[in-house]
N, C-alpha and C. Protein backbone atom coordinates (compact mmCIF):
# COMPACT_ATOMS: atom_id res chain seq x y z
N MET A 1 -87.15 11.55 18.03
CA MET A 1 -87.34 10.00 18.10
C MET A 1 -86.70 9.44 16.63
N ALA A 2 -85.91 8.48 16.90
CA ALA A 2 -85.42 7.60 15.79
C ALA A 2 -86.65 7.46 14.66
N ALA A 3 -86.16 7.18 13.61
CA ALA A 3 -87.06 6.82 12.48
C ALA A 3 -87.61 5.19 12.85
N ALA A 4 -86.67 4.56 13.37
CA ALA A 4 -87.49 2.96 13.60
C ALA A 4 -88.37 2.93 14.61
N ASP A 5 -88.07 3.89 15.78
CA ASP A 5 -89.00 4.42 16.88
C ASP A 5 -90.51 4.63 16.58
N ALA A 6 -90.13 5.52 15.34
CA ALA A 6 -91.48 6.39 15.00
C ALA A 6 -92.80 5.23 14.64
N ASP A 7 -92.45 4.06 14.24
CA ASP A 7 -93.33 2.98 13.70
C ASP A 7 -93.82 2.28 14.88
N ARG A 8 -93.25 2.37 16.21
CA ARG A 8 -93.83 1.67 17.38
C ARG A 8 -94.57 2.40 18.19
N PRO A 9 -95.70 2.12 17.95
CA PRO A 9 -96.83 2.81 19.09
C PRO A 9 -96.33 2.90 20.46
N ASP A 10 -95.68 1.79 21.04
CA ASP A 10 -95.58 1.49 22.46
C ASP A 10 -94.22 2.55 22.89
N ARG A 11 -93.61 2.85 21.82
CA ARG A 11 -92.37 3.95 22.37
C ARG A 11 -92.71 5.40 22.14
N VAL A 12 -92.55 6.09 23.14
CA VAL A 12 -92.65 7.32 23.47
C VAL A 12 -91.28 8.00 23.53
N ALA A 13 -91.33 9.42 23.03
CA ALA A 13 -90.11 10.24 23.07
C ALA A 13 -89.69 10.37 24.47
N PRO A 14 -88.23 10.53 24.58
CA PRO A 14 -87.82 10.57 25.75
C PRO A 14 -88.29 11.57 26.87
N GLU A 15 -88.52 12.79 26.30
CA GLU A 15 -89.32 13.72 27.06
C GLU A 15 -90.67 13.53 27.54
N GLU A 16 -91.08 12.79 26.54
CA GLU A 16 -92.65 12.31 26.97
C GLU A 16 -92.55 10.93 28.14
N GLU A 17 -91.63 10.64 28.28
CA GLU A 17 -91.78 9.25 29.34
C GLU A 17 -92.05 9.70 30.48
N PRO A 18 -92.91 8.92 31.30
CA PRO A 18 -93.31 9.14 32.74
C PRO A 18 -92.15 9.05 33.47
N PRO A 19 -91.95 9.63 34.74
CA PRO A 19 -91.09 9.49 35.43
C PRO A 19 -91.13 7.67 36.20
N VAL A 20 -89.81 7.22 36.47
CA VAL A 20 -89.78 5.89 37.16
C VAL A 20 -90.02 5.95 38.68
N ALA A 21 -90.70 4.96 39.34
CA ALA A 21 -91.09 5.03 40.71
C ALA A 21 -89.37 5.36 41.33
N GLY A 22 -89.56 5.69 42.42
CA GLY A 22 -88.57 5.95 43.18
C GLY A 22 -87.68 4.47 43.68
N VAL A 23 -88.65 3.58 43.81
CA VAL A 23 -88.18 2.36 44.31
C VAL A 23 -87.55 1.58 43.15
N VAL A 24 -87.96 1.68 41.97
CA VAL A 24 -87.20 1.29 40.89
C VAL A 24 -85.80 1.81 40.50
N ASP A 25 -85.95 3.25 40.88
CA ASP A 25 -84.39 4.09 40.67
C ASP A 25 -83.59 3.09 41.62
N ARG A 26 -84.07 3.07 43.06
CA ARG A 26 -83.29 2.49 43.99
C ARG A 26 -82.83 1.21 43.62
N ASN A 27 -83.68 0.44 43.01
CA ASN A 27 -83.42 -0.92 42.64
C ASN A 27 -82.25 -1.04 41.60
N ILE A 28 -82.59 -0.14 40.63
CA ILE A 28 -81.46 0.17 39.72
C ILE A 28 -80.07 0.32 40.08
N ALA A 29 -80.32 1.62 40.98
CA ALA A 29 -78.80 2.05 41.42
C ALA A 29 -78.08 0.58 42.36
N ALA A 30 -78.82 -0.10 43.26
CA ALA A 30 -78.39 -1.05 43.70
C ALA A 30 -77.68 -2.10 42.83
N LEU A 31 -78.14 -2.84 41.78
CA LEU A 31 -77.99 -3.62 40.97
C LEU A 31 -76.75 -2.96 40.26
N VAL A 32 -76.45 -1.93 39.79
CA VAL A 32 -75.75 -1.30 39.10
C VAL A 32 -74.56 -1.22 40.06
N ARG A 33 -74.51 -0.76 41.50
CA ARG A 33 -73.62 -0.82 42.26
C ARG A 33 -72.97 -2.16 42.54
N ARG A 34 -73.66 -3.31 42.71
CA ARG A 34 -73.31 -4.68 42.99
C ARG A 34 -72.46 -5.02 41.97
N ARG A 35 -72.77 -4.82 40.50
CA ARG A 35 -72.16 -5.28 39.16
C ARG A 35 -70.82 -4.66 39.49
N ARG A 36 -70.56 -3.25 39.90
CA ARG A 36 -69.35 -2.62 39.91
C ARG A 36 -68.44 -3.57 40.95
N GLU A 37 -69.08 -3.44 42.27
CA GLU A 37 -68.54 -4.23 43.53
C GLU A 37 -67.70 -5.76 42.76
N GLN A 38 -68.83 -6.16 42.18
CA GLN A 38 -68.21 -7.78 41.62
C GLN A 38 -67.14 -7.37 40.58
N LYS A 39 -67.41 -6.62 39.81
CA LYS A 39 -66.36 -6.46 38.71
C LYS A 39 -64.89 -6.12 39.40
N PHE A 40 -65.06 -5.00 40.53
CA PHE A 40 -63.86 -4.56 40.91
C PHE A 40 -63.17 -5.82 41.96
N ALA A 41 -64.14 -6.87 42.37
CA ALA A 41 -63.66 -7.87 43.47
C ALA A 41 -62.99 -9.09 42.38
N THR A 42 -63.46 -9.03 41.20
CA THR A 42 -62.94 -9.97 40.27
C THR A 42 -61.35 -10.02 40.17
N GLY A 43 -60.73 -11.21 40.33
CA GLY A 43 -59.29 -11.30 40.54
C GLY A 43 -58.63 -10.99 39.15
N LEU A 44 -57.34 -10.68 39.04
CA LEU A 44 -56.63 -10.13 37.97
C LEU A 44 -56.73 -11.57 36.97
N GLN A 45 -56.53 -12.78 37.36
CA GLN A 45 -56.54 -13.85 36.44
C GLN A 45 -57.87 -13.89 35.51
N ASP A 46 -58.79 -13.81 36.51
CA ASP A 46 -60.49 -13.81 35.89
C ASP A 46 -60.63 -12.71 34.82
N ARG A 47 -59.98 -11.50 35.25
CA ARG A 47 -60.19 -10.13 34.38
C ARG A 47 -59.35 -10.61 33.02
N ILE A 48 -58.16 -11.11 33.45
CA ILE A 48 -57.49 -11.29 31.78
C ILE A 48 -58.22 -12.59 31.10
N ALA A 49 -58.85 -13.69 31.91
CA ALA A 49 -59.54 -14.51 30.87
C ALA A 49 -60.79 -13.68 30.37
N ASP A 50 -61.55 -12.90 31.11
CA ASP A 50 -62.39 -12.19 30.59
C ASP A 50 -62.17 -11.42 29.11
N ALA A 51 -61.10 -10.63 29.31
CA ALA A 51 -60.46 -9.75 28.26
C ALA A 51 -60.30 -10.62 27.18
N ILE A 52 -59.53 -11.79 27.44
CA ILE A 52 -59.15 -12.86 26.12
C ILE A 52 -60.57 -13.39 25.30
N THR A 53 -61.20 -13.59 26.59
CA THR A 53 -62.72 -14.14 25.91
C THR A 53 -63.19 -13.11 25.10
N ARG A 54 -63.43 -11.97 25.45
CA ARG A 54 -64.20 -10.68 24.66
C ARG A 54 -63.38 -10.57 23.59
N PHE A 55 -62.30 -10.78 23.63
CA PHE A 55 -61.28 -10.38 22.40
C PHE A 55 -61.72 -11.52 21.20
N ALA A 56 -61.44 -12.67 21.72
CA ALA A 56 -61.57 -13.97 20.85
C ALA A 56 -62.95 -13.99 20.39
N GLY A 57 -63.82 -13.27 21.00
CA GLY A 57 -65.50 -13.27 20.60
C GLY A 57 -65.56 -12.12 19.57
N SER A 58 -64.58 -11.18 18.96
CA SER A 58 -64.91 -10.11 18.34
C SER A 58 -64.57 -10.17 17.07
N MET A 59 -64.91 -9.25 16.07
CA MET A 59 -64.50 -9.14 14.64
C MET A 59 -63.16 -9.02 14.68
N PRO A 60 -62.64 -7.99 15.04
CA PRO A 60 -61.09 -7.89 14.87
C PRO A 60 -60.23 -9.00 15.04
N PHE A 61 -60.72 -10.11 16.17
CA PHE A 61 -60.05 -11.30 16.39
C PHE A 61 -60.29 -12.04 14.95
N VAL A 62 -61.47 -12.33 14.23
CA VAL A 62 -61.58 -13.04 13.12
C VAL A 62 -60.73 -12.22 11.91
N TYR A 63 -60.75 -10.83 11.93
CA TYR A 63 -59.79 -10.06 10.87
C TYR A 63 -58.39 -10.40 11.04
N LEU A 64 -57.96 -10.34 12.46
CA LEU A 64 -56.36 -10.92 12.60
C LEU A 64 -56.26 -12.06 12.29
N HIS A 65 -57.05 -13.14 12.45
CA HIS A 65 -56.73 -14.40 12.02
C HIS A 65 -56.76 -14.66 10.34
N LEU A 66 -57.84 -14.16 9.94
CA LEU A 66 -57.63 -14.07 8.29
C LEU A 66 -56.34 -13.42 7.75
N LEU A 67 -55.99 -12.30 8.31
CA LEU A 67 -54.38 -11.70 8.17
C LEU A 67 -53.56 -12.84 8.19
N VAL A 68 -53.32 -13.13 9.45
CA VAL A 68 -52.13 -14.08 9.97
C VAL A 68 -52.31 -15.27 9.16
N PHE A 69 -53.23 -16.09 9.37
CA PHE A 69 -53.67 -17.20 8.74
C PHE A 69 -53.54 -17.25 7.15
N GLY A 70 -54.17 -16.32 6.55
CA GLY A 70 -54.22 -16.20 5.20
C GLY A 70 -52.76 -16.11 4.65
N GLY A 71 -51.78 -14.80 5.39
CA GLY A 71 -50.95 -14.74 5.05
C GLY A 71 -50.01 -15.90 5.06
N TRP A 72 -49.98 -16.49 6.25
CA TRP A 72 -49.25 -17.85 6.21
C TRP A 72 -49.53 -18.97 5.14
N ILE A 73 -50.80 -19.02 4.76
CA ILE A 73 -51.10 -19.89 3.78
C ILE A 73 -50.67 -19.40 2.22
N VAL A 74 -50.65 -18.27 2.00
CA VAL A 74 -50.41 -17.70 0.74
C VAL A 74 -48.92 -17.79 0.66
N ILE A 75 -47.97 -17.31 1.73
CA ILE A 75 -46.58 -17.64 1.65
C ILE A 75 -46.04 -18.86 1.49
N ASN A 76 -47.02 -19.88 2.13
CA ASN A 76 -46.27 -21.39 2.24
C ASN A 76 -46.87 -21.89 1.00
N LEU A 77 -47.89 -21.53 0.32
CA LEU A 77 -48.18 -22.02 -1.34
C LEU A 77 -47.01 -21.47 -2.23
N GLY A 78 -46.33 -20.44 -1.74
CA GLY A 78 -45.55 -19.99 -2.69
C GLY A 78 -45.91 -18.84 -3.78
N TRP A 79 -46.89 -18.41 -3.44
CA TRP A 79 -47.53 -17.26 -4.35
C TRP A 79 -47.12 -15.92 -3.95
N VAL A 80 -46.30 -15.81 -2.99
CA VAL A 80 -45.31 -14.76 -2.60
C VAL A 80 -43.96 -14.74 -3.32
N PRO A 81 -44.05 -13.80 -4.37
CA PRO A 81 -42.52 -13.93 -4.84
C PRO A 81 -41.45 -13.30 -3.80
N MET A 82 -40.21 -13.95 -3.98
CA MET A 82 -39.06 -13.69 -2.96
C MET A 82 -39.32 -13.75 -1.63
N VAL A 83 -40.34 -14.52 -1.18
CA VAL A 83 -40.75 -14.96 0.07
C VAL A 83 -40.48 -16.64 0.11
N ARG A 84 -39.44 -17.11 0.93
CA ARG A 84 -39.26 -18.33 0.92
C ARG A 84 -40.30 -19.03 1.99
N ALA A 85 -40.97 -20.24 1.52
CA ALA A 85 -42.00 -20.76 2.27
C ALA A 85 -40.96 -21.18 3.53
N PHE A 86 -41.99 -21.08 4.83
CA PHE A 86 -41.11 -21.71 6.02
C PHE A 86 -42.13 -22.83 6.63
N ASP A 87 -43.28 -23.26 6.00
CA ASP A 87 -44.07 -24.30 6.65
C ASP A 87 -44.68 -24.83 5.35
N PRO A 88 -43.98 -25.32 4.36
CA PRO A 88 -44.75 -25.88 3.35
C PRO A 88 -45.63 -27.16 3.40
N THR A 89 -45.79 -27.82 4.51
CA THR A 89 -46.59 -28.81 4.80
C THR A 89 -47.78 -28.57 5.99
N PHE A 90 -47.53 -27.08 6.28
CA PHE A 90 -48.49 -26.48 7.27
C PHE A 90 -48.63 -27.22 8.52
N VAL A 91 -47.77 -28.22 8.96
CA VAL A 91 -47.75 -28.82 10.13
C VAL A 91 -47.80 -27.91 11.31
N VAL A 92 -46.79 -26.90 11.05
CA VAL A 92 -46.78 -25.38 12.31
C VAL A 92 -47.89 -24.94 12.27
N LEU A 93 -48.47 -24.62 11.01
CA LEU A 93 -49.81 -23.76 11.32
C LEU A 93 -50.93 -24.55 12.14
N ALA A 94 -50.93 -25.99 11.59
CA ALA A 94 -52.04 -26.91 12.12
C ALA A 94 -51.66 -26.97 13.79
N MET A 95 -50.37 -27.03 14.30
CA MET A 95 -50.01 -27.04 15.66
C MET A 95 -50.26 -25.90 16.30
N VAL A 96 -50.00 -24.69 15.59
CA VAL A 96 -50.34 -23.17 16.22
C VAL A 96 -52.00 -22.97 16.56
N ALA A 97 -52.65 -23.66 15.72
CA ALA A 97 -54.20 -23.54 15.54
C ALA A 97 -54.55 -24.14 16.60
N SER A 98 -54.21 -25.43 16.86
CA SER A 98 -54.34 -26.30 17.99
C SER A 98 -54.26 -26.07 19.17
N VAL A 99 -52.98 -25.40 19.58
CA VAL A 99 -52.65 -24.91 20.77
C VAL A 99 -53.38 -23.67 21.05
N GLU A 100 -53.73 -22.78 20.17
CA GLU A 100 -54.62 -21.45 20.15
C GLU A 100 -56.13 -22.00 20.71
N ALA A 101 -56.61 -22.87 20.10
CA ALA A 101 -57.88 -23.56 20.22
C ALA A 101 -57.97 -23.91 21.82
N ILE A 102 -57.06 -24.76 22.13
CA ILE A 102 -56.90 -25.23 23.72
C ILE A 102 -57.00 -24.07 24.40
N PHE A 103 -55.90 -23.14 24.34
CA PHE A 103 -56.03 -21.99 25.34
C PHE A 103 -57.36 -21.01 25.34
N ILE A 104 -57.69 -20.90 23.87
CA ILE A 104 -58.99 -20.00 23.89
C ILE A 104 -60.16 -20.49 24.50
N SER A 105 -60.35 -22.08 24.25
CA SER A 105 -61.47 -22.50 24.78
C SER A 105 -61.48 -22.77 26.48
N THR A 106 -60.22 -22.68 27.01
CA THR A 106 -59.97 -22.73 28.60
C THR A 106 -60.36 -21.32 28.94
N PHE A 107 -59.85 -20.33 28.44
CA PHE A 107 -60.55 -18.91 28.72
C PHE A 107 -62.13 -18.83 28.67
N VAL A 108 -62.38 -19.35 27.59
CA VAL A 108 -64.08 -19.11 27.41
C VAL A 108 -64.68 -20.05 28.83
N MET A 109 -64.21 -21.09 29.13
CA MET A 109 -64.71 -21.98 30.17
C MET A 109 -64.42 -21.37 31.53
N ILE A 110 -63.31 -20.63 31.70
CA ILE A 110 -63.21 -19.97 32.96
C ILE A 110 -64.22 -18.92 32.92
N SER A 111 -64.49 -18.08 31.94
CA SER A 111 -65.28 -16.86 31.80
C SER A 111 -66.69 -17.44 32.14
N GLN A 112 -66.88 -18.67 31.43
CA GLN A 112 -68.63 -19.33 31.54
C GLN A 112 -68.54 -19.95 33.21
N ASN A 113 -67.48 -20.21 33.80
CA ASN A 113 -67.77 -20.84 34.87
C ASN A 113 -68.14 -19.65 35.90
N ARG A 114 -67.33 -18.55 35.86
CA ARG A 114 -67.70 -17.30 36.71
C ARG A 114 -69.16 -17.14 36.48
N MET A 115 -69.48 -16.81 35.14
CA MET A 115 -70.76 -16.08 34.72
C MET A 115 -72.00 -17.16 35.58
N ALA A 116 -71.68 -18.47 35.26
CA ALA A 116 -72.79 -19.35 35.82
C ALA A 116 -72.81 -19.13 37.31
N ALA A 117 -71.78 -19.10 37.76
CA ALA A 117 -71.62 -18.96 39.68
C ALA A 117 -72.58 -17.37 39.68
N GLN A 118 -72.35 -16.52 38.97
CA GLN A 118 -73.16 -15.26 39.02
C GLN A 118 -74.66 -15.35 38.97
N ALA A 119 -74.95 -16.36 37.89
CA ALA A 119 -76.23 -16.71 37.32
C ALA A 119 -76.94 -17.44 38.61
N ASP A 120 -76.27 -18.40 39.15
CA ASP A 120 -76.68 -19.02 40.54
C ASP A 120 -77.06 -18.15 41.58
N GLN A 121 -76.17 -17.05 41.69
CA GLN A 121 -76.57 -16.15 42.81
C GLN A 121 -77.86 -15.32 42.61
N ARG A 122 -77.99 -14.94 41.24
CA ARG A 122 -79.00 -14.19 40.79
C ARG A 122 -80.38 -15.46 40.98
N ALA A 123 -80.27 -16.32 40.61
CA ALA A 123 -81.29 -17.28 40.89
C ALA A 123 -81.67 -17.35 42.39
N ASP A 124 -80.91 -17.35 42.99
CA ASP A 124 -81.12 -17.73 44.36
C ASP A 124 -81.89 -16.29 45.13
N LEU A 125 -81.40 -15.30 44.49
CA LEU A 125 -82.00 -14.01 44.92
C LEU A 125 -83.29 -14.11 44.35
N ASP A 126 -83.68 -14.42 43.08
CA ASP A 126 -84.88 -14.57 42.61
C ASP A 126 -85.85 -15.56 43.29
N LEU A 127 -85.27 -16.51 43.94
CA LEU A 127 -86.20 -17.33 44.61
C LEU A 127 -86.48 -16.88 45.75
N GLN A 128 -85.43 -15.98 46.50
CA GLN A 128 -85.99 -15.42 47.71
C GLN A 128 -86.80 -14.35 47.44
N VAL A 129 -86.81 -13.48 46.77
CA VAL A 129 -87.82 -12.54 46.39
C VAL A 129 -89.29 -12.91 46.01
N SER A 130 -89.09 -14.21 45.25
CA SER A 130 -90.48 -15.04 45.14
C SER A 130 -91.04 -15.68 46.10
N LEU A 131 -90.14 -16.04 47.22
CA LEU A 131 -90.88 -16.57 48.37
C LEU A 131 -91.41 -15.51 49.20
N LEU A 132 -90.55 -14.55 49.37
CA LEU A 132 -91.30 -13.43 50.11
C LEU A 132 -92.35 -12.77 49.61
N GLY A 133 -92.53 -12.72 48.37
CA GLY A 133 -93.77 -12.20 47.51
C GLY A 133 -94.65 -13.22 48.22
N GLU A 134 -94.48 -14.66 47.76
CA GLU A 134 -95.68 -15.55 47.83
C GLU A 134 -96.14 -15.11 49.41
N HIS A 135 -95.31 -15.23 50.32
CA HIS A 135 -95.61 -15.33 51.57
C HIS A 135 -96.33 -13.90 52.03
N GLU A 136 -96.11 -12.53 51.55
CA GLU A 136 -96.83 -11.53 51.59
C GLU A 136 -98.05 -11.66 51.04
N ILE A 137 -98.39 -12.31 50.00
CA ILE A 137 -99.71 -12.74 49.22
C ILE A 137 -100.37 -13.43 50.23
N THR A 138 -99.95 -14.57 50.67
CA THR A 138 -100.69 -15.27 51.52
C THR A 138 -101.01 -14.89 52.78
N LYS A 139 -100.31 -13.68 53.25
CA LYS A 139 -100.93 -13.14 54.31
C LYS A 139 -102.06 -12.22 54.10
N ILE A 140 -101.71 -11.37 52.78
CA ILE A 140 -102.85 -10.33 52.39
C ILE A 140 -104.05 -11.13 52.08
N MET A 141 -104.17 -12.21 51.62
CA MET A 141 -105.25 -13.10 51.16
C MET A 141 -105.70 -13.82 52.54
N THR A 142 -105.06 -13.80 53.41
CA THR A 142 -106.02 -14.36 54.72
C THR A 142 -106.76 -13.19 55.28
N LEU A 143 -105.88 -11.90 55.44
CA LEU A 143 -106.54 -10.82 55.60
C LEU A 143 -107.94 -10.40 54.92
N VAL A 144 -107.84 -10.44 53.40
CA VAL A 144 -108.85 -10.14 52.80
C VAL A 144 -109.96 -11.09 53.11
N THR A 145 -109.52 -12.30 52.83
CA THR A 145 -110.83 -13.52 53.05
C THR A 145 -111.36 -13.27 54.37
N GLU A 146 -110.58 -12.83 55.51
CA GLU A 146 -111.26 -12.66 56.81
C GLU A 146 -112.10 -11.26 56.57
N ILE A 147 -111.84 -10.52 55.95
CA ILE A 147 -112.72 -9.20 56.05
C ILE A 147 -113.94 -9.51 55.35
N ALA A 148 -113.70 -10.17 54.07
CA ALA A 148 -114.86 -10.58 53.08
C ALA A 148 -115.98 -11.69 53.89
N LYS A 149 -115.38 -12.37 54.87
CA LYS A 149 -116.25 -13.42 55.66
C LYS A 149 -117.16 -12.23 56.81
N ARG A 150 -116.52 -11.78 57.42
CA ARG A 150 -117.18 -10.66 58.16
C ARG A 150 -118.09 -9.84 57.68
N MET A 151 -118.10 -9.29 56.18
CA MET A 151 -118.81 -8.73 55.43
C MET A 151 -120.04 -9.56 54.73
N ASP A 152 -119.58 -10.88 54.92
CA ASP A 152 -120.65 -11.94 54.49
C ASP A 152 -120.49 -11.90 52.84
N ILE A 153 -119.55 -11.87 52.35
CA ILE A 153 -119.37 -11.94 50.49
C ILE A 153 -119.27 -13.26 50.55
N PRO A 154 -120.21 -13.85 49.62
CA PRO A 154 -120.28 -15.17 48.94
C PRO A 154 -118.83 -15.81 48.74
N ALA A 155 -118.28 -15.09 48.08
CA ALA A 155 -116.88 -15.25 47.44
C ALA A 155 -115.84 -15.93 48.59
N ALA A 156 -116.12 -15.15 49.82
CA ALA A 156 -115.15 -15.53 50.81
C ALA A 156 -115.45 -17.17 51.33
N HIS A 157 -116.51 -17.70 50.99
CA HIS A 157 -116.42 -19.01 51.50
C HIS A 157 -116.19 -20.29 50.32
N ASP A 158 -115.37 -19.73 49.18
CA ASP A 158 -114.95 -20.43 48.30
C ASP A 158 -113.72 -21.64 48.91
N PRO A 159 -114.04 -22.83 48.94
CA PRO A 159 -112.99 -23.70 49.49
C PRO A 159 -111.58 -23.75 49.15
N GLU A 160 -111.49 -23.24 48.03
CA GLU A 160 -110.03 -23.14 47.18
C GLU A 160 -109.09 -21.99 48.05
N LEU A 161 -109.81 -21.05 48.56
CA LEU A 161 -109.02 -19.94 49.44
C LEU A 161 -108.47 -20.46 50.67
N ASP A 162 -109.12 -21.58 51.51
CA ASP A 162 -108.28 -22.07 52.16
C ASP A 162 -107.06 -22.76 52.07
N GLU A 163 -106.79 -23.34 50.75
CA GLU A 163 -105.84 -23.91 50.25
C GLU A 163 -104.72 -22.98 49.82
N LEU A 164 -105.33 -21.95 49.50
CA LEU A 164 -104.42 -20.91 48.63
C LEU A 164 -103.67 -20.05 50.13
N GLN A 165 -104.33 -19.94 50.93
CA GLN A 165 -103.80 -19.13 52.12
C GLN A 165 -102.66 -19.92 52.93
N GLU A 166 -102.59 -21.48 52.59
CA GLU A 166 -101.41 -21.98 53.17
C GLU A 166 -99.94 -21.40 52.79
N ASN A 167 -98.95 -21.29 53.76
CA ASN A 167 -97.78 -21.07 53.11
C ASN A 167 -97.16 -22.04 52.23
N VAL A 168 -96.28 -21.93 51.40
CA VAL A 168 -95.71 -22.99 50.46
C VAL A 168 -94.42 -23.17 51.07
N SER A 169 -94.21 -24.64 51.05
CA SER A 169 -92.86 -24.97 51.79
C SER A 169 -92.00 -25.23 50.47
N PRO A 170 -90.86 -24.50 50.60
CA PRO A 170 -90.00 -24.82 49.35
C PRO A 170 -89.42 -25.79 49.23
N ASP A 171 -88.94 -26.67 50.32
CA ASP A 171 -88.56 -28.28 50.39
C ASP A 171 -89.56 -29.00 49.72
N ARG A 172 -90.88 -28.74 50.17
CA ARG A 172 -91.90 -29.80 49.73
C ARG A 172 -92.05 -29.46 48.16
N VAL A 173 -91.86 -28.30 47.58
CA VAL A 173 -92.00 -28.16 46.21
C VAL A 173 -91.05 -28.84 45.75
N LEU A 174 -89.61 -28.57 46.14
CA LEU A 174 -88.31 -28.94 45.48
C LEU A 174 -88.55 -30.67 45.38
N ASP A 175 -88.97 -31.12 46.78
CA ASP A 175 -88.87 -32.77 46.77
C ASP A 175 -89.91 -33.07 45.61
N ARG A 176 -91.21 -32.52 45.40
CA ARG A 176 -92.02 -33.03 44.37
C ARG A 176 -91.44 -32.87 43.07
N LEU A 177 -90.89 -31.68 43.01
CA LEU A 177 -90.21 -31.70 41.46
C LEU A 177 -89.30 -32.44 41.14
N GLU A 178 -88.55 -32.98 41.92
CA GLU A 178 -87.44 -34.12 41.72
C GLU A 178 -87.92 -35.54 41.76
N LYS A 179 -89.49 -35.81 42.22
CA LYS A 179 -89.97 -37.09 41.94
C LYS A 179 -90.48 -37.22 40.43
N PRO A 180 -90.18 -38.62 40.05
CA PRO A 180 -90.40 -38.88 38.63
C PRO A 180 -91.96 -38.29 38.23
N SER A 181 -92.04 -37.88 37.17
CA SER A 181 -93.67 -37.40 36.67
C SER A 181 -94.46 -38.72 36.87
N GLY A 182 -95.76 -38.29 37.46
CA GLY A 182 -96.58 -39.40 37.64
C GLY A 182 -96.59 -39.87 39.19
N GLU A 183 -95.62 -39.50 39.65
CA GLU A 183 -95.59 -39.93 41.34
C GLU A 183 -96.20 -39.23 42.04
N VAL A 184 -97.24 -39.43 42.73
CA VAL A 184 -97.76 -38.67 43.91
C VAL A 184 -97.72 -39.08 45.25
N ASP A 185 -97.49 -37.91 46.18
CA ASP A 185 -97.44 -38.32 47.60
C ASP A 185 -98.84 -39.17 47.97
């Protein structure tokens, strides 16, 4: 175990970790497979935009710019003997930097748009899973409440249980969320 993990009581050595449930392994494998499929299905243009975005967001990109722009500035200030200034007013440098910024921001926006679309898909999946879970819990509550009533358990007669046993309509919830606060049906 690493020294940093030794201080954390919630962390156990890998050989001591309990096995993961089979359903978790299947879900992880499905997610990994889906991400690979999405990556493979990504078009050449999007892969290029992603590669440029990845590089533009890296330290080698910063170092390269320090070297190129720093060298450009040093040369054009006349600090390098025997090298003639080629952009003494730095207008060309400003133009190069501006054009580069336009292209880099475009590549970043392309990547962000694709990532937003993937996030929307994941949110839709989360919603579907949540709705399914809510439906299953409602059914289980109905069964358990019915059992509790037949066994004459006092908690089975809680009036709130009837309300909780109703299926939630996603449309009604969304409609309610879209109303201005304080406005009630």
